Structure formats: structure tokens, C-alpha cells
């Protein structure tokens, strides 16, 4: 006889001890991922730094990293933690010691070897359904970025294409070769 794991509330999830794994709350269930590899971490910090520099210079809001939880849905309880995220200045009115109580304006997910296509797709759909205005899926394996602005507005970038911040970060432009280290 198999017993069902009880669903956690957002408050219960927030109080879980750190077990060394990256955790998200997806429809009331804790989902754990192993720590990312070096390439994943390097891309995340580089892309985050480039975004942060642009956002700070323009005074547009805040860029945060993978340890930041965003409450996408109260029911079913869902807290996602993108690898990099941006929140516009006018939305920075919440308690910064807690999970962000809404979806980020921009979510960046970097594909890890442990990720499945289905997992990444689920994350993207959760962000979009919760109101995220743009999601970038960075795939080091194919050296590509897929940009989602809506379920039916998807752009695939490769090679020397430019990654642009429109409509979330107007004026932000980055050559893909910079994302993948030249």
C-alpha cells in the first residue's frame, strides 16, 4: 500500500531546513535538484552580472539569483526559484526576507544535465501562467536560448543572434556568444 505525501503549504515549505539540495515547491510537493555543475554556475553568474549592471545603471529594479523563491500560485502552492530573475522597481514593495509573493518580470532557467524537457517546459508554463513577462531558457548543450514572451510567442536564438530584453528590459542587448563565453 502506497501512502500519498501530504501537500505542503508555502509557510511550511519556507521553514524546511536546508538539506544541500536545491528545492522548489510544485503543486504542494517538494521537488529537489542536485547542485548545478560549473558551466551552469558560470553562465548564471555571468548573465546575472550583465543583467544587474544594466538594471542598476537604468535604475529599473533588482536582479536576483537562484536562491530566491517566487510564489507563483497559492493554490496549489507553487514556489519556483529561477537561476536568475528580474523584478521591476515599482514591484519591490514586499518583505525582502520572505519569498517574493508574485512571479518575476523575467525568469532565466539554465538547463542542467539533470533536467528533462518536461521539467523545463513545466517551469516555463508556470512562470507564464503566473504572469512572468519573459522567460529565457538557456541551453549550454545546444548553445541556444529560447525566449518565451507568451505561450504562442516563442523565439529560438543561436550562433551570433542577439538576446534582447524587450519588453521587460528595453534597450538590453547581448550577443549569444557572450552568454556562452565567447
N, C-alpha and C. Protein backbone atom coordinates (compact mmCIF):
# COMPACT_ATOMS: atom_id res chain seq x y z
N UNK A 1 0.84 -1.18 0.00
CA UNK A 1 0.00 0.00 0.00
C UNK A 1 0.89 1.25 0.00
N UNK A 2 0.66 2.12 -0.95
CA UNK A 2 1.46 3.32 -1.08
C UNK A 2 0.73 4.49 -0.42
N UNK A 3 1.44 5.22 0.41
CA UNK A 3 0.83 6.38 1.05
C UNK A 3 1.19 7.63 0.27
N UNK A 4 0.25 8.55 0.21
CA UNK A 4 0.47 9.79 -0.51
C UNK A 4 1.16 10.80 0.40
N UNK A 5 2.13 11.50 -0.14
CA UNK A 5 2.83 12.53 0.61
C UNK A 5 1.88 13.72 0.79
N UNK A 6 1.73 14.22 2.03
CA UNK A 6 0.83 15.36 2.23
C UNK A 6 1.38 16.60 1.54
N UNK A 7 0.46 17.43 1.06
CA UNK A 7 0.86 18.67 0.40
C UNK A 7 1.35 19.66 1.45
N UNK A 8 2.41 20.38 1.10
CA UNK A 8 2.93 21.42 1.99
C UNK A 8 2.31 22.76 1.63
N UNK A 9 2.15 23.60 2.63
CA UNK A 9 1.77 24.98 2.39
C UNK A 9 3.05 25.76 2.08
N UNK A 10 2.88 26.97 1.60
CA UNK A 10 4.04 27.81 1.33
C UNK A 10 4.78 28.11 2.62
N UNK A 11 4.04 28.34 3.71
CA UNK A 11 4.66 28.63 5.01
C UNK A 11 5.47 27.43 5.51
N UNK A 12 4.94 26.21 5.36
CA UNK A 12 5.68 25.02 5.77
C UNK A 12 6.94 24.83 4.92
N UNK A 13 6.81 25.09 3.63
CA UNK A 13 7.96 24.97 2.73
C UNK A 13 9.05 25.96 3.11
N UNK A 14 8.64 27.17 3.45
CA UNK A 14 9.59 28.22 3.81
C UNK A 14 10.41 27.85 5.06
N UNK A 15 9.84 27.02 5.91
CA UNK A 15 10.52 26.64 7.16
C UNK A 15 11.35 25.36 7.05
N UNK A 16 11.36 24.71 5.89
CA UNK A 16 12.14 23.47 5.74
C UNK A 16 13.63 23.74 5.95
N UNK A 17 14.33 22.82 6.58
CA UNK A 17 15.77 23.01 6.75
C UNK A 17 16.50 22.82 5.42
N UNK A 18 17.64 23.45 5.31
CA UNK A 18 18.48 23.32 4.12
C UNK A 18 19.14 21.95 4.14
N UNK A 19 18.89 21.14 3.11
CA UNK A 19 19.50 19.80 3.04
C UNK A 19 20.59 19.72 1.98
N UNK A 20 21.02 20.88 1.46
CA UNK A 20 22.08 20.90 0.47
C UNK A 20 21.59 20.75 -0.96
N UNK A 21 20.31 20.42 -1.13
CA UNK A 21 19.73 20.29 -2.47
C UNK A 21 18.97 21.57 -2.78
N UNK A 22 18.85 21.86 -4.05
CA UNK A 22 18.02 22.99 -4.48
C UNK A 22 16.57 22.53 -4.45
N UNK A 23 15.70 23.29 -3.81
CA UNK A 23 14.31 22.87 -3.66
C UNK A 23 13.34 23.89 -4.23
N UNK A 24 12.26 23.38 -4.80
CA UNK A 24 11.12 24.19 -5.21
C UNK A 24 9.87 23.49 -4.69
N UNK A 25 8.79 24.23 -4.55
CA UNK A 25 7.50 23.67 -4.17
C UNK A 25 6.62 23.71 -5.40
N UNK A 26 6.23 22.54 -5.89
CA UNK A 26 5.45 22.46 -7.13
C UNK A 26 4.14 21.74 -6.82
N UNK A 27 3.07 22.51 -6.85
CA UNK A 27 1.74 21.99 -6.55
C UNK A 27 1.70 21.26 -5.20
N UNK A 28 2.35 21.88 -4.22
CA UNK A 28 2.35 21.36 -2.87
C UNK A 28 3.38 20.28 -2.57
N UNK A 29 4.14 19.85 -3.57
CA UNK A 29 5.15 18.81 -3.40
C UNK A 29 6.55 19.40 -3.53
N UNK A 30 7.45 18.98 -2.65
CA UNK A 30 8.83 19.43 -2.72
C UNK A 30 9.54 18.71 -3.85
N UNK A 31 10.18 19.48 -4.72
CA UNK A 31 10.98 18.94 -5.81
C UNK A 31 12.42 19.34 -5.55
N UNK A 32 13.30 18.34 -5.49
CA UNK A 32 14.72 18.59 -5.22
C UNK A 32 15.54 18.36 -6.48
N UNK A 33 16.57 19.19 -6.64
CA UNK A 33 17.51 19.03 -7.74
C UNK A 33 18.91 19.03 -7.15
N UNK A 34 19.82 18.26 -7.73
CA UNK A 34 21.21 18.32 -7.24
C UNK A 34 21.82 19.67 -7.58
N UNK A 35 22.88 20.04 -6.88
CA UNK A 35 23.56 21.29 -7.23
C UNK A 35 23.98 21.27 -8.70
N UNK A 36 24.05 22.45 -9.28
CA UNK A 36 24.42 22.56 -10.69
C UNK A 36 25.92 22.40 -10.89
N UNK A 37 26.31 22.09 -12.12
CA UNK A 37 27.71 21.97 -12.47
C UNK A 37 28.36 23.32 -12.69
N UNK A 38 29.64 23.30 -12.94
CA UNK A 38 30.44 24.52 -13.10
C UNK A 38 29.94 25.39 -14.24
N UNK A 39 29.70 24.80 -15.42
CA UNK A 39 29.26 25.57 -16.58
C UNK A 39 27.96 26.30 -16.28
N UNK A 40 27.02 25.59 -15.67
CA UNK A 40 25.73 26.15 -15.30
C UNK A 40 25.93 27.36 -14.38
N UNK A 41 26.76 27.18 -13.36
CA UNK A 41 27.03 28.26 -12.41
C UNK A 41 27.71 29.45 -13.05
N UNK A 42 28.66 29.20 -13.95
CA UNK A 42 29.38 30.28 -14.62
C UNK A 42 28.45 31.09 -15.52
N UNK A 43 27.60 30.39 -16.26
CA UNK A 43 26.64 31.10 -17.13
C UNK A 43 25.68 31.92 -16.27
N UNK A 44 25.20 31.33 -15.18
CA UNK A 44 24.26 32.03 -14.31
C UNK A 44 24.84 33.30 -13.72
N UNK A 45 26.07 33.21 -13.21
CA UNK A 45 26.68 34.38 -12.58
C UNK A 45 27.03 35.44 -13.62
N UNK A 46 27.52 35.02 -14.79
CA UNK A 46 27.87 35.98 -15.85
C UNK A 46 26.62 36.69 -16.37
N UNK A 47 25.59 35.92 -16.69
CA UNK A 47 24.36 36.52 -17.21
C UNK A 47 23.71 37.40 -16.15
N UNK A 48 23.71 36.93 -14.90
CA UNK A 48 23.16 37.73 -13.81
C UNK A 48 23.91 39.04 -13.64
N UNK A 49 25.24 38.99 -13.76
CA UNK A 49 26.06 40.20 -13.60
C UNK A 49 25.79 41.19 -14.74
N UNK A 50 25.64 40.68 -15.97
CA UNK A 50 25.36 41.56 -17.09
C UNK A 50 23.98 42.21 -16.94
N UNK A 51 23.00 41.41 -16.52
CA UNK A 51 21.66 41.96 -16.29
C UNK A 51 21.69 42.98 -15.15
N UNK A 52 22.38 42.63 -14.08
CA UNK A 52 22.44 43.52 -12.91
C UNK A 52 23.07 44.85 -13.28
N UNK A 53 24.15 44.82 -14.03
CA UNK A 53 24.82 46.06 -14.44
C UNK A 53 23.86 46.94 -15.23
N UNK A 54 23.13 46.35 -16.18
CA UNK A 54 22.17 47.11 -16.99
C UNK A 54 21.04 47.66 -16.13
N UNK A 55 20.47 46.81 -15.29
CA UNK A 55 19.33 47.19 -14.45
C UNK A 55 19.72 48.28 -13.46
N UNK A 56 20.89 48.13 -12.86
CA UNK A 56 21.36 49.11 -11.87
C UNK A 56 21.61 50.47 -12.53
N UNK A 57 22.26 50.46 -13.68
CA UNK A 57 22.56 51.71 -14.40
C UNK A 57 21.28 52.45 -14.79
N UNK A 58 20.25 51.69 -15.15
CA UNK A 58 18.98 52.27 -15.58
C UNK A 58 18.01 52.48 -14.41
N UNK A 59 18.38 52.02 -13.21
CA UNK A 59 17.51 52.08 -12.01
C UNK A 59 16.14 51.46 -12.29
N UNK A 60 16.17 50.22 -12.81
CA UNK A 60 14.93 49.56 -13.23
C UNK A 60 14.34 48.63 -12.18
N UNK A 61 15.15 48.19 -11.20
CA UNK A 61 14.65 47.22 -10.21
C UNK A 61 15.79 46.42 -9.65
N UNK A 62 15.56 45.11 -9.46
CA UNK A 62 16.58 44.24 -8.87
C UNK A 62 16.70 42.95 -9.67
N UNK A 63 17.95 42.46 -9.74
CA UNK A 63 18.26 41.15 -10.33
C UNK A 63 18.70 40.26 -9.18
N UNK A 64 18.14 39.05 -9.11
CA UNK A 64 18.47 38.11 -8.05
C UNK A 64 18.86 36.76 -8.63
N UNK A 65 19.49 35.94 -7.78
CA UNK A 65 19.98 34.64 -8.22
C UNK A 65 19.11 33.49 -7.78
N UNK A 66 19.67 32.30 -7.93
CA UNK A 66 18.94 31.04 -7.81
C UNK A 66 18.41 30.72 -6.42
N UNK A 67 18.82 31.44 -5.42
CA UNK A 67 18.33 31.14 -4.07
C UNK A 67 17.06 31.91 -3.74
N UNK A 68 16.49 32.62 -4.69
CA UNK A 68 15.31 33.44 -4.44
C UNK A 68 14.05 32.72 -4.88
N UNK A 69 13.14 32.52 -3.93
CA UNK A 69 11.87 31.86 -4.22
C UNK A 69 10.79 32.85 -4.61
N UNK A 70 10.02 32.51 -5.63
CA UNK A 70 8.89 33.32 -6.09
C UNK A 70 7.62 32.51 -5.95
N UNK A 71 6.64 33.04 -5.25
CA UNK A 71 5.35 32.37 -5.10
C UNK A 71 4.57 32.60 -6.39
N UNK A 72 4.44 31.53 -7.17
CA UNK A 72 3.71 31.66 -8.43
C UNK A 72 2.22 31.44 -8.24
N UNK A 73 1.87 30.52 -7.34
CA UNK A 73 0.46 30.22 -7.07
C UNK A 73 0.29 29.88 -5.60
N UNK A 74 -0.80 30.37 -5.00
CA UNK A 74 -1.15 29.97 -3.64
C UNK A 74 -1.85 28.62 -3.65
N UNK A 75 -2.66 28.39 -4.67
CA UNK A 75 -3.39 27.13 -4.81
C UNK A 75 -3.27 26.64 -6.24
N UNK A 76 -2.68 25.51 -6.47
CA UNK A 76 -1.90 24.74 -5.50
C UNK A 76 -0.58 25.46 -5.19
N UNK A 77 -0.09 25.30 -3.96
CA UNK A 77 1.11 26.05 -3.55
C UNK A 77 2.31 25.75 -4.45
N UNK A 78 2.82 26.81 -5.09
CA UNK A 78 3.95 26.65 -6.01
C UNK A 78 4.95 27.79 -5.81
N UNK A 79 6.18 27.40 -5.47
CA UNK A 79 7.27 28.36 -5.31
C UNK A 79 8.41 27.90 -6.22
N UNK A 80 8.75 28.72 -7.18
CA UNK A 80 9.83 28.42 -8.11
C UNK A 80 11.02 29.32 -7.82
N UNK A 81 12.22 28.85 -8.16
CA UNK A 81 13.46 29.61 -7.95
C UNK A 81 14.27 29.61 -9.24
N UNK A 82 14.03 30.60 -10.11
CA UNK A 82 14.79 30.64 -11.36
C UNK A 82 16.28 30.87 -11.10
N UNK A 83 17.10 30.50 -12.06
CA UNK A 83 18.54 30.68 -11.91
C UNK A 83 18.91 32.16 -11.81
N UNK A 84 18.21 32.99 -12.55
CA UNK A 84 18.37 34.45 -12.49
C UNK A 84 16.97 35.02 -12.68
N UNK A 85 16.67 36.12 -12.00
CA UNK A 85 15.36 36.75 -12.16
C UNK A 85 15.48 38.25 -12.02
N UNK A 86 14.53 38.95 -12.61
CA UNK A 86 14.44 40.40 -12.52
C UNK A 86 13.05 40.77 -12.02
N UNK A 87 13.02 41.75 -11.09
CA UNK A 87 11.77 42.32 -10.59
C UNK A 87 11.85 43.83 -10.79
N UNK A 88 10.82 44.39 -11.43
CA UNK A 88 10.78 45.83 -11.71
C UNK A 88 10.67 46.63 -10.42
N UNK A 89 11.25 47.82 -10.44
CA UNK A 89 11.34 48.71 -9.28
C UNK A 89 9.99 48.96 -8.62
N UNK A 90 8.96 49.20 -9.40
CA UNK A 90 7.65 49.53 -8.82
C UNK A 90 6.99 48.35 -8.11
N UNK A 91 7.57 47.16 -8.24
CA UNK A 91 7.00 45.96 -7.59
C UNK A 91 7.79 45.57 -6.33
N UNK A 92 8.81 46.32 -5.99
CA UNK A 92 9.66 46.00 -4.84
C UNK A 92 9.07 46.54 -3.53
N UNK A 93 7.85 46.13 -3.23
CA UNK A 93 7.14 46.63 -2.06
C UNK A 93 6.84 45.54 -1.04
N UNK A 94 7.50 44.42 -1.12
CA UNK A 94 7.25 43.27 -0.26
C UNK A 94 8.37 43.12 0.76
N UNK A 95 8.18 42.21 1.73
CA UNK A 95 9.19 41.93 2.74
C UNK A 95 10.33 41.15 2.07
N UNK A 96 11.52 41.74 1.92
CA UNK A 96 12.61 41.08 1.19
C UNK A 96 13.20 39.87 1.92
N UNK A 97 12.81 39.63 3.15
CA UNK A 97 13.30 38.45 3.88
C UNK A 97 12.47 37.21 3.60
N UNK A 98 11.37 37.38 2.89
CA UNK A 98 10.46 36.27 2.60
C UNK A 98 10.51 35.95 1.10
N UNK A 99 9.79 34.89 0.71
CA UNK A 99 9.66 34.62 -0.72
C UNK A 99 8.99 35.83 -1.38
N UNK A 100 9.35 36.07 -2.63
CA UNK A 100 8.69 37.13 -3.39
C UNK A 100 7.25 36.65 -3.62
N UNK A 101 6.24 37.47 -3.27
CA UNK A 101 4.85 36.99 -3.31
C UNK A 101 4.19 37.01 -4.69
N UNK A 102 4.99 37.04 -5.74
CA UNK A 102 4.46 37.06 -7.11
C UNK A 102 5.54 36.56 -8.07
N UNK A 103 5.16 36.43 -9.33
CA UNK A 103 6.09 35.95 -10.37
C UNK A 103 7.07 37.06 -10.75
N UNK A 104 8.31 36.69 -11.13
CA UNK A 104 9.26 37.71 -11.58
C UNK A 104 8.84 38.28 -12.93
N UNK A 105 9.35 39.46 -13.25
CA UNK A 105 9.10 40.04 -14.58
C UNK A 105 9.86 39.25 -15.65
N UNK A 106 11.08 38.82 -15.29
CA UNK A 106 11.92 38.00 -16.17
C UNK A 106 12.43 36.82 -15.36
N UNK A 107 12.29 35.62 -15.88
CA UNK A 107 12.85 34.42 -15.26
C UNK A 107 13.82 33.79 -16.25
N UNK A 108 15.00 33.41 -15.75
CA UNK A 108 16.01 32.76 -16.58
C UNK A 108 16.25 31.37 -16.00
N UNK A 109 16.06 30.36 -16.80
CA UNK A 109 16.34 28.97 -16.42
C UNK A 109 17.49 28.47 -17.28
N UNK A 110 18.51 27.93 -16.64
CA UNK A 110 19.65 27.36 -17.35
C UNK A 110 19.50 25.84 -17.28
N UNK A 111 19.50 25.20 -18.42
CA UNK A 111 19.30 23.76 -18.49
C UNK A 111 20.51 23.03 -17.91
N UNK A 112 20.25 22.11 -16.99
CA UNK A 112 21.28 21.27 -16.39
C UNK A 112 21.15 19.86 -16.94
N UNK A 113 22.22 19.07 -16.86
CA UNK A 113 22.12 17.67 -17.30
C UNK A 113 21.02 16.90 -16.57
N UNK A 114 20.68 17.30 -15.34
CA UNK A 114 19.65 16.59 -14.58
C UNK A 114 18.23 16.98 -14.98
N UNK A 115 18.07 18.04 -15.79
CA UNK A 115 16.74 18.49 -16.21
C UNK A 115 16.21 17.67 -17.37
N UNK A 116 14.90 17.45 -17.36
CA UNK A 116 14.24 16.84 -18.52
C UNK A 116 13.52 17.95 -19.28
N UNK A 117 13.21 17.68 -20.53
CA UNK A 117 12.47 18.64 -21.34
C UNK A 117 11.14 18.95 -20.67
N UNK A 118 10.50 17.93 -20.14
CA UNK A 118 9.22 18.09 -19.48
C UNK A 118 9.32 19.01 -18.26
N UNK A 119 10.37 18.86 -17.47
CA UNK A 119 10.57 19.72 -16.29
C UNK A 119 10.74 21.18 -16.70
N UNK A 120 11.58 21.42 -17.68
CA UNK A 120 11.82 22.79 -18.14
C UNK A 120 10.53 23.38 -18.70
N UNK A 121 9.81 22.61 -19.51
CA UNK A 121 8.56 23.08 -20.08
C UNK A 121 7.56 23.42 -18.96
N UNK A 122 7.50 22.58 -17.93
CA UNK A 122 6.61 22.84 -16.80
C UNK A 122 6.95 24.14 -16.09
N UNK A 123 8.25 24.39 -15.90
CA UNK A 123 8.68 25.64 -15.27
C UNK A 123 8.27 26.83 -16.11
N UNK A 124 8.54 26.77 -17.41
CA UNK A 124 8.20 27.88 -18.30
C UNK A 124 6.71 28.17 -18.26
N UNK A 125 5.89 27.14 -18.35
CA UNK A 125 4.44 27.33 -18.33
C UNK A 125 3.97 27.90 -16.99
N UNK A 126 4.57 27.44 -15.89
CA UNK A 126 4.22 28.01 -14.57
C UNK A 126 4.53 29.50 -14.53
N UNK A 127 5.73 29.88 -14.98
CA UNK A 127 6.08 31.30 -14.98
C UNK A 127 5.11 32.12 -15.82
N UNK A 128 4.86 31.68 -17.04
CA UNK A 128 3.96 32.43 -17.92
C UNK A 128 2.56 32.50 -17.36
N UNK A 129 2.04 31.38 -16.84
CA UNK A 129 0.69 31.36 -16.28
C UNK A 129 0.57 32.26 -15.05
N UNK A 130 1.68 32.45 -14.35
CA UNK A 130 1.68 33.29 -13.14
C UNK A 130 1.90 34.77 -13.46
N UNK A 131 2.18 35.10 -14.72
CA UNK A 131 2.33 36.50 -15.11
C UNK A 131 3.72 36.97 -15.44
N UNK A 132 4.70 36.07 -15.48
CA UNK A 132 6.05 36.45 -15.89
C UNK A 132 5.98 36.95 -17.33
N UNK A 133 6.60 38.08 -17.58
CA UNK A 133 6.50 38.72 -18.90
C UNK A 133 7.48 38.15 -19.92
N UNK A 134 8.58 37.53 -19.46
CA UNK A 134 9.54 36.90 -20.37
C UNK A 134 10.29 35.81 -19.61
N UNK A 135 10.50 34.69 -20.29
CA UNK A 135 11.28 33.58 -19.74
C UNK A 135 12.36 33.25 -20.76
N UNK A 136 13.60 33.18 -20.27
CA UNK A 136 14.71 32.77 -21.12
C UNK A 136 15.18 31.40 -20.67
N UNK A 137 15.18 30.44 -21.58
CA UNK A 137 15.72 29.11 -21.28
C UNK A 137 17.07 29.01 -21.99
N UNK A 138 18.12 28.97 -21.19
CA UNK A 138 19.49 28.95 -21.69
C UNK A 138 19.95 27.50 -21.72
N UNK A 139 20.32 27.01 -22.89
CA UNK A 139 20.74 25.61 -23.04
C UNK A 139 22.21 25.54 -23.44
N UNK A 140 23.09 25.29 -22.47
CA UNK A 140 24.52 25.21 -22.78
C UNK A 140 24.85 24.11 -23.79
N UNK A 141 24.11 23.01 -23.77
CA UNK A 141 24.37 21.89 -24.67
C UNK A 141 24.24 22.28 -26.13
N UNK A 142 23.19 23.01 -26.48
CA UNK A 142 22.98 23.44 -27.87
C UNK A 142 23.44 24.87 -28.11
N UNK A 143 23.98 25.50 -27.05
CA UNK A 143 24.41 26.89 -27.11
C UNK A 143 23.31 27.76 -27.71
N UNK A 144 22.12 27.61 -27.14
CA UNK A 144 20.95 28.34 -27.62
C UNK A 144 20.18 28.93 -26.44
N UNK A 145 19.35 29.91 -26.76
CA UNK A 145 18.42 30.48 -25.78
C UNK A 145 17.05 30.50 -26.43
N UNK A 146 16.07 29.99 -25.73
CA UNK A 146 14.69 30.06 -26.17
C UNK A 146 14.01 31.13 -25.34
N UNK A 147 13.41 32.11 -26.02
CA UNK A 147 12.76 33.23 -25.36
C UNK A 147 11.26 33.05 -25.47
N UNK A 148 10.59 33.03 -24.31
CA UNK A 148 9.13 32.93 -24.25
C UNK A 148 8.58 34.25 -23.75
N UNK A 149 7.71 34.85 -24.54
CA UNK A 149 7.03 36.07 -24.09
C UNK A 149 5.55 35.78 -23.84
N UNK A 150 5.09 34.65 -24.33
CA UNK A 150 3.74 34.13 -24.11
C UNK A 150 3.77 32.69 -24.63
N UNK A 151 2.72 31.95 -24.36
CA UNK A 151 2.67 30.56 -24.84
C UNK A 151 2.81 30.48 -26.36
N UNK A 152 2.30 31.48 -27.05
CA UNK A 152 2.33 31.46 -28.51
C UNK A 152 3.34 32.45 -29.11
N UNK A 153 4.23 32.96 -28.27
CA UNK A 153 5.27 33.87 -28.76
C UNK A 153 6.62 33.37 -28.27
N UNK A 154 7.22 32.48 -29.08
CA UNK A 154 8.46 31.81 -28.71
C UNK A 154 9.51 32.09 -29.79
N UNK A 155 10.72 32.39 -29.34
CA UNK A 155 11.82 32.70 -30.27
C UNK A 155 13.03 31.86 -29.88
N UNK A 156 13.65 31.22 -30.85
CA UNK A 156 14.83 30.39 -30.61
C UNK A 156 16.04 31.11 -31.17
N UNK A 157 17.06 31.33 -30.32
CA UNK A 157 18.26 32.07 -30.70
C UNK A 157 19.48 31.16 -30.66
N UNK A 158 20.34 31.30 -31.66
CA UNK A 158 21.59 30.52 -31.72
C UNK A 158 22.69 31.37 -32.34
N UNK A 159 23.91 30.83 -32.33
CA UNK A 159 25.03 31.46 -33.04
C UNK A 159 25.31 32.87 -32.60
N UNK A 160 25.28 33.79 -33.57
CA UNK A 160 25.58 35.19 -33.30
C UNK A 160 24.32 36.03 -33.10
N UNK A 161 23.18 35.38 -32.82
CA UNK A 161 21.95 36.13 -32.55
C UNK A 161 22.12 37.00 -31.31
N UNK A 162 21.32 38.03 -31.22
CA UNK A 162 21.30 38.90 -30.06
C UNK A 162 20.13 38.54 -29.16
N UNK A 163 20.39 38.45 -27.87
CA UNK A 163 19.36 38.26 -26.85
C UNK A 163 18.93 39.65 -26.41
N UNK A 164 17.67 39.97 -26.61
CA UNK A 164 17.17 41.31 -26.29
C UNK A 164 16.20 41.26 -25.13
N UNK A 165 16.16 42.33 -24.35
CA UNK A 165 15.35 42.38 -23.15
C UNK A 165 13.92 42.84 -23.34
N UNK A 166 13.55 43.20 -24.56
CA UNK A 166 12.19 43.68 -24.82
C UNK A 166 11.16 42.62 -24.43
N UNK A 167 10.03 42.96 -23.91
CA UNK A 167 9.58 44.28 -23.47
C UNK A 167 9.94 44.57 -22.01
N UNK A 168 10.55 43.63 -21.33
CA UNK A 168 10.81 43.75 -19.89
C UNK A 168 11.97 44.70 -19.60
N UNK A 169 13.04 44.59 -20.37
CA UNK A 169 14.24 45.42 -20.18
C UNK A 169 14.58 46.12 -21.49
N UNK A 170 13.81 47.14 -21.85
CA UNK A 170 14.05 47.83 -23.12
C UNK A 170 15.48 48.36 -23.22
N UNK A 171 16.12 48.06 -24.34
CA UNK A 171 17.49 48.51 -24.57
C UNK A 171 18.55 47.49 -24.19
N UNK A 172 18.17 46.45 -23.45
CA UNK A 172 19.16 45.42 -23.11
C UNK A 172 19.39 44.54 -24.32
N UNK A 173 20.67 44.37 -24.69
CA UNK A 173 21.02 43.52 -25.85
C UNK A 173 22.34 42.84 -25.54
N UNK A 174 22.39 41.56 -25.83
CA UNK A 174 23.57 40.77 -25.54
C UNK A 174 23.77 39.74 -26.64
N UNK A 175 24.95 39.70 -27.22
CA UNK A 175 25.28 38.71 -28.24
C UNK A 175 25.36 37.34 -27.57
N UNK A 176 24.76 36.32 -28.17
CA UNK A 176 24.71 34.99 -27.58
C UNK A 176 26.10 34.45 -27.26
N UNK A 177 27.08 34.79 -28.09
CA UNK A 177 28.44 34.30 -27.83
C UNK A 177 28.94 34.79 -26.48
N UNK A 178 28.45 35.93 -25.99
CA UNK A 178 28.83 36.43 -24.66
C UNK A 178 28.21 35.58 -23.55
N UNK A 179 27.03 35.05 -23.81
CA UNK A 179 26.36 34.19 -22.83
C UNK A 179 27.15 32.90 -22.62
N UNK A 180 27.68 32.36 -23.71
CA UNK A 180 28.38 31.08 -23.66
C UNK A 180 29.89 31.20 -23.61
N UNK A 181 30.38 32.36 -23.24
CA UNK A 181 31.81 32.53 -23.03
C UNK A 181 32.66 32.63 -24.28
N UNK A 182 32.13 33.25 -25.32
CA UNK A 182 32.94 33.53 -26.50
C UNK A 182 32.81 32.48 -27.50
